[in-house]
């Protein structure tokens, strides 16, 4: 398993409507992953947000490098990655490979 954390601050709009629209985009992206027969069961994707500000954390786990390449080849991934850069409004979007040490069952 390979794990990644994507971090950024939501800066492109501060209204509740703009935040809601972004959350809907996140939902569409996750649904696209779930509905992709080549990715189903090979990829885990979670999105978390700091309650007190606009910082987001995306946690992705892929079964293998082929699953990662498959995801990156999809048009829905390319569009989502571009939207993520836009909502960061010129801010930094950081993707960091992370290592799992331990977890609950």
N, C-alpha and C. Protein backbone atom coordinates (compact mmCIF):
# COMPACT_ATOMS: atom_id res chain seq x y z
N UNK A 1 0.84 -1.19 0.00
CA UNK A 1 0.00 0.00 0.00
C UNK A 1 0.88 1.24 0.00
N UNK A 2 0.52 2.21 -0.83
CA UNK A 2 1.18 3.51 -0.83
C UNK A 2 0.17 4.53 -0.32
N UNK A 3 0.65 5.44 0.54
CA UNK A 3 -0.23 6.44 1.15
C UNK A 3 0.29 7.84 0.83
N UNK A 4 -0.66 8.77 0.68
CA UNK A 4 -0.33 10.16 0.39
C UNK A 4 -1.24 11.08 1.18
N UNK A 5 -0.71 12.23 1.55
CA UNK A 5 -1.53 13.27 2.16
C UNK A 5 -1.40 14.51 1.28
N UNK A 6 -2.53 15.04 0.86
CA UNK A 6 -2.59 16.27 0.06
C UNK A 6 -3.11 17.36 0.98
N UNK A 7 -2.38 18.48 1.04
CA UNK A 7 -2.77 19.58 1.95
C UNK A 7 -2.84 20.89 1.17
N UNK A 8 -3.81 21.71 1.56
CA UNK A 8 -3.95 23.05 0.98
C UNK A 8 -4.92 23.84 1.84
N UNK A 9 -4.97 25.13 1.57
CA UNK A 9 -5.94 25.99 2.23
C UNK A 9 -6.94 26.47 1.20
N UNK A 10 -8.22 26.31 1.49
CA UNK A 10 -9.30 26.77 0.61
C UNK A 10 -9.31 28.29 0.66
N UNK A 11 -9.00 28.92 -0.49
CA UNK A 11 -8.93 30.38 -0.54
C UNK A 11 -9.83 31.00 -1.59
N UNK A 12 -10.35 30.19 -2.49
CA UNK A 12 -11.14 30.72 -3.60
C UNK A 12 -12.60 30.79 -3.19
N UNK A 13 -12.91 31.77 -2.38
CA UNK A 13 -14.27 31.95 -1.90
C UNK A 13 -14.35 31.60 -0.44
N UNK A 14 -15.05 32.41 0.30
CA UNK A 14 -15.16 32.16 1.74
C UNK A 14 -16.61 32.03 2.18
N UNK A 15 -17.51 32.11 1.24
CA UNK A 15 -18.91 32.01 1.62
C UNK A 15 -19.29 30.57 1.86
N UNK A 16 -20.37 30.38 2.57
CA UNK A 16 -20.88 29.04 2.81
C UNK A 16 -21.23 28.35 1.48
N UNK A 17 -21.74 29.11 0.52
CA UNK A 17 -22.10 28.55 -0.78
C UNK A 17 -20.88 28.04 -1.53
N UNK A 18 -19.77 28.79 -1.49
CA UNK A 18 -18.57 28.34 -2.20
C UNK A 18 -17.98 27.11 -1.53
N UNK A 19 -18.04 27.06 -0.21
CA UNK A 19 -17.55 25.88 0.52
C UNK A 19 -18.43 24.68 0.21
N UNK A 20 -19.74 24.89 0.19
CA UNK A 20 -20.67 23.80 -0.12
C UNK A 20 -20.43 23.27 -1.53
N UNK A 21 -20.20 24.17 -2.48
CA UNK A 21 -19.93 23.75 -3.86
C UNK A 21 -18.65 22.91 -3.93
N UNK A 22 -17.63 23.30 -3.17
CA UNK A 22 -16.39 22.53 -3.17
C UNK A 22 -16.62 21.15 -2.56
N UNK A 23 -17.39 21.08 -1.50
CA UNK A 23 -17.69 19.79 -0.88
C UNK A 23 -18.47 18.88 -1.84
N UNK A 24 -19.32 19.48 -2.66
CA UNK A 24 -20.04 18.69 -3.66
C UNK A 24 -19.07 18.15 -4.72
N UNK A 25 -18.08 18.95 -5.11
CA UNK A 25 -17.05 18.48 -6.05
C UNK A 25 -16.27 17.32 -5.46
N UNK A 26 -15.92 17.43 -4.20
CA UNK A 26 -15.22 16.34 -3.51
C UNK A 26 -16.08 15.07 -3.57
N UNK A 27 -17.35 15.21 -3.28
CA UNK A 27 -18.26 14.06 -3.32
C UNK A 27 -18.34 13.43 -4.70
N UNK A 28 -18.37 14.26 -5.74
CA UNK A 28 -18.41 13.74 -7.12
C UNK A 28 -17.13 12.97 -7.45
N UNK A 29 -16.00 13.51 -7.00
CA UNK A 29 -14.72 12.85 -7.24
C UNK A 29 -14.69 11.48 -6.56
N UNK A 30 -15.09 11.43 -5.32
CA UNK A 30 -15.09 10.16 -4.59
C UNK A 30 -16.07 9.16 -5.23
N UNK A 31 -17.21 9.65 -5.67
CA UNK A 31 -18.17 8.77 -6.34
C UNK A 31 -17.59 8.23 -7.65
N UNK A 32 -16.85 9.07 -8.37
CA UNK A 32 -16.22 8.62 -9.62
C UNK A 32 -15.21 7.50 -9.34
N UNK A 33 -14.46 7.64 -8.25
CA UNK A 33 -13.52 6.58 -7.87
C UNK A 33 -14.28 5.30 -7.55
N UNK A 34 -15.32 5.43 -6.72
CA UNK A 34 -16.11 4.26 -6.33
C UNK A 34 -16.76 3.56 -7.52
N UNK A 35 -17.11 4.33 -8.56
CA UNK A 35 -17.78 3.76 -9.72
C UNK A 35 -16.84 3.28 -10.81
N UNK A 36 -15.55 3.46 -10.63
CA UNK A 36 -14.57 3.03 -11.63
C UNK A 36 -14.21 1.56 -11.37
N UNK A 37 -14.56 0.66 -12.29
CA UNK A 37 -14.32 -0.77 -12.04
C UNK A 37 -12.84 -1.13 -11.88
N UNK A 38 -11.95 -0.37 -12.49
CA UNK A 38 -10.52 -0.67 -12.37
C UNK A 38 -9.94 -0.17 -11.04
N UNK A 39 -10.61 0.76 -10.39
CA UNK A 39 -10.12 1.32 -9.13
C UNK A 39 -10.82 0.75 -7.91
N UNK A 40 -12.01 0.23 -8.10
CA UNK A 40 -12.82 -0.26 -6.97
C UNK A 40 -12.01 -1.27 -6.15
N UNK A 41 -11.89 -0.98 -4.86
CA UNK A 41 -11.18 -1.86 -3.95
C UNK A 41 -9.66 -1.71 -3.97
N UNK A 42 -9.16 -0.86 -4.86
CA UNK A 42 -7.71 -0.68 -4.98
C UNK A 42 -7.26 0.70 -4.51
N UNK A 43 -8.23 1.52 -4.10
CA UNK A 43 -7.93 2.90 -3.74
C UNK A 43 -8.86 3.35 -2.63
N UNK A 44 -8.30 3.97 -1.61
CA UNK A 44 -9.07 4.58 -0.54
C UNK A 44 -8.79 6.08 -0.56
N UNK A 45 -9.83 6.88 -0.44
CA UNK A 45 -9.67 8.34 -0.50
C UNK A 45 -10.57 8.98 0.54
N UNK A 46 -9.97 9.77 1.43
CA UNK A 46 -10.73 10.48 2.47
C UNK A 46 -10.35 11.94 2.43
N UNK A 47 -11.32 12.80 2.71
CA UNK A 47 -11.05 14.23 2.76
C UNK A 47 -11.49 14.73 4.13
N UNK A 48 -10.59 15.46 4.78
CA UNK A 48 -10.86 16.03 6.09
C UNK A 48 -10.59 17.52 6.03
N UNK A 49 -11.23 18.26 6.94
CA UNK A 49 -11.06 19.70 7.00
C UNK A 49 -10.86 20.12 8.45
N UNK A 50 -9.96 21.04 8.66
CA UNK A 50 -9.81 21.64 9.98
C UNK A 50 -11.11 22.39 10.28
N UNK A 51 -11.72 22.12 11.41
CA UNK A 51 -13.00 22.76 11.76
C UNK A 51 -12.89 24.26 11.90
N UNK A 52 -11.72 24.75 12.29
CA UNK A 52 -11.57 26.16 12.63
C UNK A 52 -11.06 27.06 11.51
N UNK A 53 -10.70 26.47 10.38
CA UNK A 53 -10.22 27.31 9.28
C UNK A 53 -10.42 26.58 7.95
N UNK A 54 -9.78 27.04 6.90
CA UNK A 54 -9.98 26.49 5.56
C UNK A 54 -8.93 25.49 5.13
N UNK A 55 -8.22 24.87 6.06
CA UNK A 55 -7.20 23.89 5.70
C UNK A 55 -7.83 22.51 5.49
N UNK A 56 -7.49 21.91 4.35
CA UNK A 56 -8.00 20.59 3.98
C UNK A 56 -6.87 19.59 3.93
N UNK A 57 -7.22 18.33 4.22
CA UNK A 57 -6.28 17.22 4.20
C UNK A 57 -6.95 16.06 3.46
N UNK A 58 -6.35 15.62 2.40
CA UNK A 58 -6.86 14.48 1.64
C UNK A 58 -5.91 13.32 1.92
N UNK A 59 -6.46 12.19 2.30
CA UNK A 59 -5.66 11.00 2.57
C UNK A 59 -5.99 9.96 1.51
N UNK A 60 -4.99 9.60 0.73
CA UNK A 60 -5.17 8.63 -0.34
C UNK A 60 -4.29 7.42 -0.07
N UNK A 61 -4.84 6.25 -0.30
CA UNK A 61 -4.09 5.00 -0.20
C UNK A 61 -4.36 4.21 -1.46
N UNK A 62 -3.30 3.78 -2.11
CA UNK A 62 -3.44 2.98 -3.33
C UNK A 62 -2.79 1.62 -3.11
N UNK A 63 -3.40 0.60 -3.69
CA UNK A 63 -2.92 -0.77 -3.50
C UNK A 63 -1.54 -0.96 -4.11
N UNK A 64 -1.29 -0.30 -5.23
CA UNK A 64 -0.02 -0.47 -5.94
C UNK A 64 0.17 0.68 -6.92
N UNK A 65 1.32 0.70 -7.55
CA UNK A 65 1.63 1.78 -8.49
C UNK A 65 0.69 1.77 -9.69
N UNK A 66 0.23 0.59 -10.11
CA UNK A 66 -0.71 0.53 -11.24
C UNK A 66 -2.02 1.23 -10.91
N UNK A 67 -2.50 1.07 -9.69
CA UNK A 67 -3.73 1.76 -9.29
C UNK A 67 -3.52 3.26 -9.30
N UNK A 68 -2.36 3.71 -8.84
CA UNK A 68 -2.03 5.14 -8.86
C UNK A 68 -2.00 5.67 -10.29
N UNK A 69 -1.37 4.94 -11.18
CA UNK A 69 -1.29 5.36 -12.59
C UNK A 69 -2.67 5.36 -13.24
N UNK A 70 -3.48 4.37 -12.89
CA UNK A 70 -4.83 4.31 -13.44
C UNK A 70 -5.62 5.53 -13.01
N UNK A 71 -5.57 5.87 -11.72
CA UNK A 71 -6.26 7.06 -11.23
C UNK A 71 -5.78 8.31 -11.97
N UNK A 72 -4.48 8.47 -12.06
CA UNK A 72 -3.92 9.67 -12.68
C UNK A 72 -4.23 9.77 -14.17
N UNK A 73 -4.60 8.66 -14.80
CA UNK A 73 -4.94 8.69 -16.22
C UNK A 73 -6.38 9.10 -16.48
N UNK A 74 -7.19 9.10 -15.45
CA UNK A 74 -8.62 9.38 -15.61
C UNK A 74 -8.88 10.87 -15.78
N UNK A 75 -9.79 11.22 -16.68
CA UNK A 75 -10.16 12.62 -16.89
C UNK A 75 -10.74 13.23 -15.62
N UNK A 76 -11.53 12.46 -14.84
CA UNK A 76 -12.11 13.01 -13.62
C UNK A 76 -11.02 13.37 -12.61
N UNK A 77 -9.91 12.63 -12.60
CA UNK A 77 -8.79 12.97 -11.70
C UNK A 77 -8.12 14.27 -12.16
N UNK A 78 -7.86 14.37 -13.45
CA UNK A 78 -7.20 15.57 -13.98
C UNK A 78 -8.03 16.82 -13.71
N UNK A 79 -9.34 16.72 -13.90
CA UNK A 79 -10.23 17.87 -13.66
C UNK A 79 -10.25 18.21 -12.16
N UNK A 80 -10.29 17.22 -11.31
CA UNK A 80 -10.32 17.43 -9.86
C UNK A 80 -9.02 18.04 -9.37
N UNK A 81 -7.90 17.55 -9.88
CA UNK A 81 -6.59 18.11 -9.49
C UNK A 81 -6.50 19.59 -9.87
N UNK A 82 -7.03 19.93 -11.04
CA UNK A 82 -7.03 21.33 -11.48
C UNK A 82 -7.95 22.17 -10.59
N UNK A 83 -9.11 21.64 -10.24
CA UNK A 83 -10.03 22.37 -9.36
C UNK A 83 -9.41 22.58 -7.98
N UNK A 84 -8.67 21.59 -7.50
CA UNK A 84 -8.01 21.72 -6.20
C UNK A 84 -7.03 22.88 -6.23
N UNK A 85 -6.25 22.98 -7.30
CA UNK A 85 -5.32 24.11 -7.43
C UNK A 85 -6.07 25.44 -7.48
N UNK A 86 -7.23 25.45 -8.12
CA UNK A 86 -8.02 26.69 -8.21
C UNK A 86 -8.58 27.11 -6.86
N UNK A 87 -9.09 26.17 -6.08
CA UNK A 87 -9.66 26.55 -4.79
C UNK A 87 -8.57 26.98 -3.81
N UNK A 88 -7.35 26.53 -4.05
CA UNK A 88 -6.22 27.01 -3.24
C UNK A 88 -5.81 28.41 -3.67
N UNK A 89 -6.38 28.90 -4.78
CA UNK A 89 -6.21 30.28 -5.28
C UNK A 89 -4.76 30.75 -5.23
N UNK A 90 -3.93 30.02 -5.93
CA UNK A 90 -2.53 30.42 -5.98
C UNK A 90 -1.72 29.94 -4.79
N UNK A 91 -2.40 29.38 -3.83
CA UNK A 91 -1.70 28.82 -2.67
C UNK A 91 -1.08 27.49 -3.03
N UNK A 92 -0.34 26.96 -2.12
CA UNK A 92 0.36 25.71 -2.36
C UNK A 92 -0.52 24.51 -2.09
N UNK A 93 -0.49 23.56 -3.01
CA UNK A 93 -1.11 22.25 -2.82
C UNK A 93 0.05 21.27 -2.70
N UNK A 94 0.16 20.64 -1.54
CA UNK A 94 1.29 19.76 -1.26
C UNK A 94 0.82 18.32 -1.20
N UNK A 95 1.47 17.46 -1.99
CA UNK A 95 1.22 16.03 -1.93
C UNK A 95 2.45 15.37 -1.34
N UNK A 96 2.26 14.72 -0.19
CA UNK A 96 3.37 14.13 0.55
C UNK A 96 3.18 12.63 0.66
N UNK A 97 4.17 11.84 0.22
CA UNK A 97 4.08 10.40 0.48
C UNK A 97 4.21 10.18 1.99
N UNK A 98 3.33 9.38 2.57
CA UNK A 98 3.40 9.13 4.01
C UNK A 98 3.49 7.62 4.24
N UNK A 99 3.95 7.27 5.39
CA UNK A 99 4.17 5.86 5.75
C UNK A 99 3.24 5.49 6.90
N UNK A 100 2.54 4.38 6.76
CA UNK A 100 1.67 3.88 7.82
C UNK A 100 2.52 3.14 8.83
N UNK A 101 2.40 3.52 10.09
CA UNK A 101 3.13 2.85 11.16
C UNK A 101 2.25 1.79 11.81
N UNK A 102 1.01 2.15 12.15
CA UNK A 102 0.09 1.22 12.78
C UNK A 102 -1.32 1.80 12.69
N UNK A 103 -2.32 0.99 12.93
CA UNK A 103 -3.70 1.45 12.87
C UNK A 103 -4.59 0.51 13.66
N UNK A 104 -5.77 0.98 14.00
CA UNK A 104 -6.75 0.12 14.65
C UNK A 104 -7.28 -0.89 13.65
N UNK A 105 -7.90 -1.93 14.14
CA UNK A 105 -8.44 -2.98 13.26
C UNK A 105 -9.61 -2.47 12.47
